[in-house]
Amino acid sequence: MLPAFAVFVEVLFNIGLNPEVWPYPFIGGYTAGSVGIEALRAQDENSVRPVQNYTPPQPVAPPSREARPPKEQPPFQFASWNDEEER
């Protein structure tokens, strides 16, 4: 971001930067970004959240078959070749 900012300032204020200077914004931006990321990591490590114990959900037993009344079904019959005509 630092080289982009340098280009922005150069265009905004009409400042001509020497081409020999351009490696420095890249090196400085890389260094500042690395230090900033490490500072954020260190800050995050200092604010450790308390560990919460995970308790998995308990399985629920299916309802017993004895509790349901049996459904009355007509006895099974094989279809005949003429079943559409009989209706």
N, C-alpha and C. Protein backbone atom coordinates (compact mmCIF):
# COMPACT_ATOMS: atom_id res chain seq x y z
N MET A 1 0.82 -1.20 0.00
CA MET A 1 0.00 0.00 0.00
C MET A 1 0.86 1.26 0.00
N LEU A 2 2.06 1.15 0.55
CA LEU A 2 2.92 2.33 0.61
C LEU A 2 3.34 2.80 -0.79
N PRO A 3 3.71 1.92 -1.73
CA PRO A 3 4.01 2.41 -3.08
C PRO A 3 2.80 3.06 -3.76
N ALA A 4 1.61 2.50 -3.53
CA ALA A 4 0.41 3.11 -4.11
C ALA A 4 0.18 4.49 -3.50
N PHE A 5 0.41 4.63 -2.22
CA PHE A 5 0.27 5.94 -1.58
C PHE A 5 1.31 6.92 -2.12
N ALA A 6 2.53 6.44 -2.39
CA ALA A 6 3.58 7.31 -2.94
C ALA A 6 3.19 7.81 -4.33
N VAL A 7 2.60 6.92 -5.14
CA VAL A 7 2.12 7.35 -6.46
C VAL A 7 0.99 8.37 -6.31
N PHE A 8 0.09 8.13 -5.38
CA PHE A 8 -1.03 9.05 -5.14
C PHE A 8 -0.51 10.44 -4.75
N VAL A 9 0.44 10.49 -3.83
CA VAL A 9 1.00 11.78 -3.38
C VAL A 9 1.75 12.44 -4.53
N GLU A 10 2.47 11.65 -5.32
CA GLU A 10 3.22 12.20 -6.45
C GLU A 10 2.28 12.86 -7.47
N VAL A 11 1.17 12.20 -7.76
CA VAL A 11 0.22 12.75 -8.72
C VAL A 11 -0.54 13.93 -8.12
N LEU A 12 -0.94 13.82 -6.85
CA LEU A 12 -1.74 14.86 -6.22
C LEU A 12 -0.97 16.18 -6.09
N PHE A 13 0.27 16.09 -5.64
CA PHE A 13 1.05 17.31 -5.41
C PHE A 13 2.01 17.62 -6.55
N ASN A 14 1.95 16.84 -7.61
CA ASN A 14 2.79 17.05 -8.79
C ASN A 14 4.26 17.08 -8.40
N ILE A 15 4.66 16.07 -7.64
CA ILE A 15 6.04 15.94 -7.19
C ILE A 15 6.70 14.89 -8.08
N GLY A 16 7.83 15.17 -8.60
CA GLY A 16 8.55 14.19 -9.42
C GLY A 16 9.51 13.40 -8.53
N LEU A 17 9.23 12.13 -8.34
CA LEU A 17 10.13 11.29 -7.54
C LEU A 17 11.22 10.71 -8.43
N ASN A 18 12.40 10.67 -7.91
CA ASN A 18 13.55 10.12 -8.61
C ASN A 18 13.36 8.60 -8.75
N PRO A 19 13.59 8.00 -9.91
CA PRO A 19 13.42 6.55 -10.07
C PRO A 19 14.28 5.71 -9.13
N GLU A 20 15.37 6.30 -8.63
CA GLU A 20 16.24 5.57 -7.70
C GLU A 20 15.58 5.40 -6.33
N VAL A 21 14.53 6.16 -6.05
CA VAL A 21 13.87 6.14 -4.75
C VAL A 21 12.83 5.03 -4.66
N TRP A 22 12.34 4.50 -5.78
CA TRP A 22 11.21 3.58 -5.79
C TRP A 22 11.42 2.27 -5.03
N PRO A 23 12.60 1.72 -4.92
CA PRO A 23 12.71 0.49 -4.10
C PRO A 23 12.40 0.72 -2.62
N TYR A 24 12.63 1.92 -2.12
CA TYR A 24 12.43 2.18 -0.69
C TYR A 24 10.97 2.10 -0.25
N PRO A 25 10.00 2.62 -1.02
CA PRO A 25 8.60 2.42 -0.59
C PRO A 25 8.18 0.95 -0.57
N PHE A 26 8.71 0.17 -1.51
CA PHE A 26 8.38 -1.26 -1.50
C PHE A 26 8.96 -1.96 -0.27
N ILE A 27 10.22 -1.68 0.01
CA ILE A 27 10.86 -2.30 1.19
C ILE A 27 10.21 -1.81 2.47
N GLY A 28 9.94 -0.51 2.56
CA GLY A 28 9.30 0.05 3.75
C GLY A 28 7.89 -0.47 3.94
N GLY A 29 7.13 -0.59 2.85
CA GLY A 29 5.77 -1.13 2.94
C GLY A 29 5.76 -2.57 3.38
N TYR A 30 6.69 -3.36 2.85
CA TYR A 30 6.78 -4.77 3.24
C TYR A 30 7.12 -4.89 4.72
N THR A 31 8.08 -4.09 5.16
CA THR A 31 8.50 -4.14 6.57
C THR A 31 7.38 -3.68 7.49
N ALA A 32 6.74 -2.58 7.16
CA ALA A 32 5.66 -2.07 8.01
C ALA A 32 4.49 -3.06 8.04
N GLY A 33 4.17 -3.66 6.92
CA GLY A 33 3.09 -4.65 6.90
C GLY A 33 3.42 -5.87 7.74
N SER A 34 4.64 -6.35 7.65
CA SER A 34 5.05 -7.53 8.43
C SER A 34 5.01 -7.24 9.92
N VAL A 35 5.53 -6.09 10.31
CA VAL A 35 5.53 -5.71 11.73
C VAL A 35 4.09 -5.52 12.22
N GLY A 36 3.25 -4.92 11.39
CA GLY A 36 1.85 -4.71 11.79
C GLY A 36 1.10 -6.02 11.97
N ILE A 37 1.32 -6.97 11.06
CA ILE A 37 0.67 -8.28 11.19
C ILE A 37 1.13 -9.00 12.45
N GLU A 38 2.42 -8.97 12.72
CA GLU A 38 2.93 -9.62 13.92
C GLU A 38 2.42 -8.94 15.19
N ALA A 39 2.25 -7.63 15.16
CA ALA A 39 1.70 -6.93 16.32
C ALA A 39 0.25 -7.34 16.55
N LEU A 40 -0.51 -7.49 15.47
CA LEU A 40 -1.89 -7.95 15.62
C LEU A 40 -1.96 -9.38 16.15
N ARG A 41 -1.06 -10.23 15.69
CA ARG A 41 -1.03 -11.62 16.20
C ARG A 41 -0.69 -11.65 17.69
N ALA A 42 0.30 -10.84 18.09
CA ALA A 42 0.67 -10.81 19.51
C ALA A 42 -0.47 -10.26 20.36
N GLN A 43 -1.17 -9.27 19.85
CA GLN A 43 -2.31 -8.72 20.58
C GLN A 43 -3.42 -9.77 20.71
N ASP A 44 -3.62 -10.56 19.67
CA ASP A 44 -4.65 -11.60 19.71
C ASP A 44 -4.26 -12.73 20.67
N GLU A 45 -2.99 -13.05 20.75
CA GLU A 45 -2.54 -14.09 21.68
C GLU A 45 -2.69 -13.66 23.13
N ASN A 46 -2.56 -12.35 23.39
CA ASN A 46 -2.71 -11.85 24.76
C ASN A 46 -4.16 -11.87 25.22
N SER A 47 -5.08 -11.80 24.31
CA SER A 47 -6.49 -11.81 24.68
C SER A 47 -7.06 -13.21 24.42
N VAL A 48 -6.55 -14.18 25.16
CA VAL A 48 -6.98 -15.56 24.98
C VAL A 48 -8.36 -15.72 25.59
N ARG A 49 -9.22 -16.35 24.85
CA ARG A 49 -10.58 -16.60 25.34
C ARG A 49 -10.58 -17.85 26.22
N PRO A 50 -11.43 -17.88 27.23
CA PRO A 50 -11.47 -19.09 28.07
C PRO A 50 -12.00 -20.27 27.26
N VAL A 51 -11.44 -21.43 27.57
CA VAL A 51 -11.82 -22.65 26.86
C VAL A 51 -13.17 -23.12 27.38
N GLN A 52 -14.08 -23.41 26.47
CA GLN A 52 -15.38 -23.91 26.85
C GLN A 52 -15.44 -25.39 26.53
N ASN A 53 -15.93 -26.16 27.47
CA ASN A 53 -16.05 -27.60 27.23
C ASN A 53 -17.22 -27.85 26.30
N TYR A 54 -16.98 -28.69 25.32
CA TYR A 54 -18.02 -29.03 24.36
C TYR A 54 -18.73 -30.29 24.83
N THR A 55 -20.03 -30.19 24.94
CA THR A 55 -20.83 -31.37 25.28
C THR A 55 -21.70 -31.69 24.07
N PRO A 56 -21.48 -32.86 23.47
CA PRO A 56 -22.26 -33.20 22.29
C PRO A 56 -23.72 -33.44 22.66
N PRO A 57 -24.63 -33.23 21.72
CA PRO A 57 -26.04 -33.46 22.03
C PRO A 57 -26.30 -34.94 22.30
N GLN A 58 -27.18 -35.20 23.22
CA GLN A 58 -27.50 -36.57 23.59
C GLN A 58 -28.46 -37.17 22.57
N PRO A 59 -28.23 -38.41 22.16
CA PRO A 59 -29.14 -39.02 21.19
C PRO A 59 -30.51 -39.27 21.81
N VAL A 60 -31.52 -39.12 21.01
CA VAL A 60 -32.89 -39.32 21.46
C VAL A 60 -33.35 -40.68 20.96
N ALA A 61 -33.90 -41.47 21.87
CA ALA A 61 -34.37 -42.80 21.49
C ALA A 61 -35.64 -42.68 20.64
N PRO A 62 -35.75 -43.50 19.59
CA PRO A 62 -36.98 -43.44 18.80
C PRO A 62 -38.16 -43.97 19.61
N PRO A 63 -39.37 -43.55 19.31
CA PRO A 63 -40.52 -44.05 20.07
C PRO A 63 -40.67 -45.56 19.86
N SER A 64 -41.10 -46.22 20.90
CA SER A 64 -41.22 -47.68 20.82
C SER A 64 -42.36 -48.06 19.88
N ARG A 65 -42.23 -49.21 19.26
CA ARG A 65 -43.25 -49.67 18.33
C ARG A 65 -44.51 -50.13 19.06
N GLU A 66 -44.36 -50.51 20.29
CA GLU A 66 -45.50 -51.00 21.04
C GLU A 66 -46.49 -49.88 21.37
N ALA A 67 -46.01 -48.64 21.40
CA ALA A 67 -46.87 -47.53 21.75
C ALA A 67 -47.83 -47.19 20.60
N ARG A 68 -47.45 -47.49 19.36
CA ARG A 68 -48.30 -47.16 18.22
C ARG A 68 -49.26 -48.31 17.93
N PRO A 69 -50.52 -47.99 17.66
CA PRO A 69 -51.44 -49.07 17.29
C PRO A 69 -51.12 -49.54 15.87
N PRO A 70 -51.23 -50.82 15.60
CA PRO A 70 -50.91 -51.30 14.26
C PRO A 70 -51.95 -50.81 13.25
N LYS A 71 -51.49 -50.48 12.07
CA LYS A 71 -52.40 -50.03 11.02
C LYS A 71 -53.03 -51.25 10.36
N GLU A 72 -54.30 -51.13 10.08
CA GLU A 72 -54.97 -52.23 9.39
C GLU A 72 -54.82 -52.04 7.90
N GLN A 73 -54.24 -53.04 7.27
CA GLN A 73 -54.03 -52.99 5.84
C GLN A 73 -54.80 -54.13 5.20
N PRO A 74 -55.29 -53.88 4.01
CA PRO A 74 -55.99 -54.98 3.32
C PRO A 74 -54.97 -56.06 2.96
N PRO A 75 -55.41 -57.29 2.87
CA PRO A 75 -54.47 -58.36 2.52
C PRO A 75 -53.89 -58.13 1.13
N PHE A 76 -52.69 -58.59 0.96
CA PHE A 76 -51.99 -58.39 -0.31
C PHE A 76 -52.61 -59.24 -1.40
N GLN A 77 -52.78 -58.63 -2.57
CA GLN A 77 -53.28 -59.36 -3.73
C GLN A 77 -52.42 -58.99 -4.93
N PHE A 78 -52.11 -59.99 -5.71
CA PHE A 78 -51.37 -59.72 -6.94
C PHE A 78 -52.28 -59.04 -7.94
N ALA A 79 -51.72 -58.18 -8.75
CA ALA A 79 -52.51 -57.49 -9.77
C ALA A 79 -52.82 -58.46 -10.91
N SER A 80 -53.94 -58.23 -11.52
CA SER A 80 -54.29 -59.05 -12.68
C SER A 80 -54.04 -58.25 -13.94
N TRP A 81 -54.05 -58.95 -15.06
CA TRP A 81 -53.81 -58.27 -16.34
C TRP A 81 -54.96 -57.33 -16.68
N ASN A 82 -56.09 -57.53 -16.16
CA ASN A 82 -57.26 -56.73 -16.49
C ASN A 82 -57.62 -55.75 -15.37
N ASP A 83 -56.69 -55.37 -14.55
CA ASP A 83 -57.03 -54.53 -13.40
C ASP A 83 -57.52 -53.14 -13.81
N GLU A 84 -57.08 -52.60 -14.93
CA GLU A 84 -57.55 -51.30 -15.35
C GLU A 84 -58.99 -51.37 -15.86
N GLU A 85 -59.37 -52.49 -16.45
CA GLU A 85 -60.72 -52.64 -16.97
C GLU A 85 -61.74 -52.89 -15.86
N GLU A 86 -61.31 -53.42 -14.74
CA GLU A 86 -62.21 -53.75 -13.65
C GLU A 86 -62.65 -52.50 -12.89
N ARG A 87 -61.92 -51.46 -12.94
CA ARG A 87 -62.23 -50.25 -12.17
C ARG A 87 -63.34 -49.51 -12.75
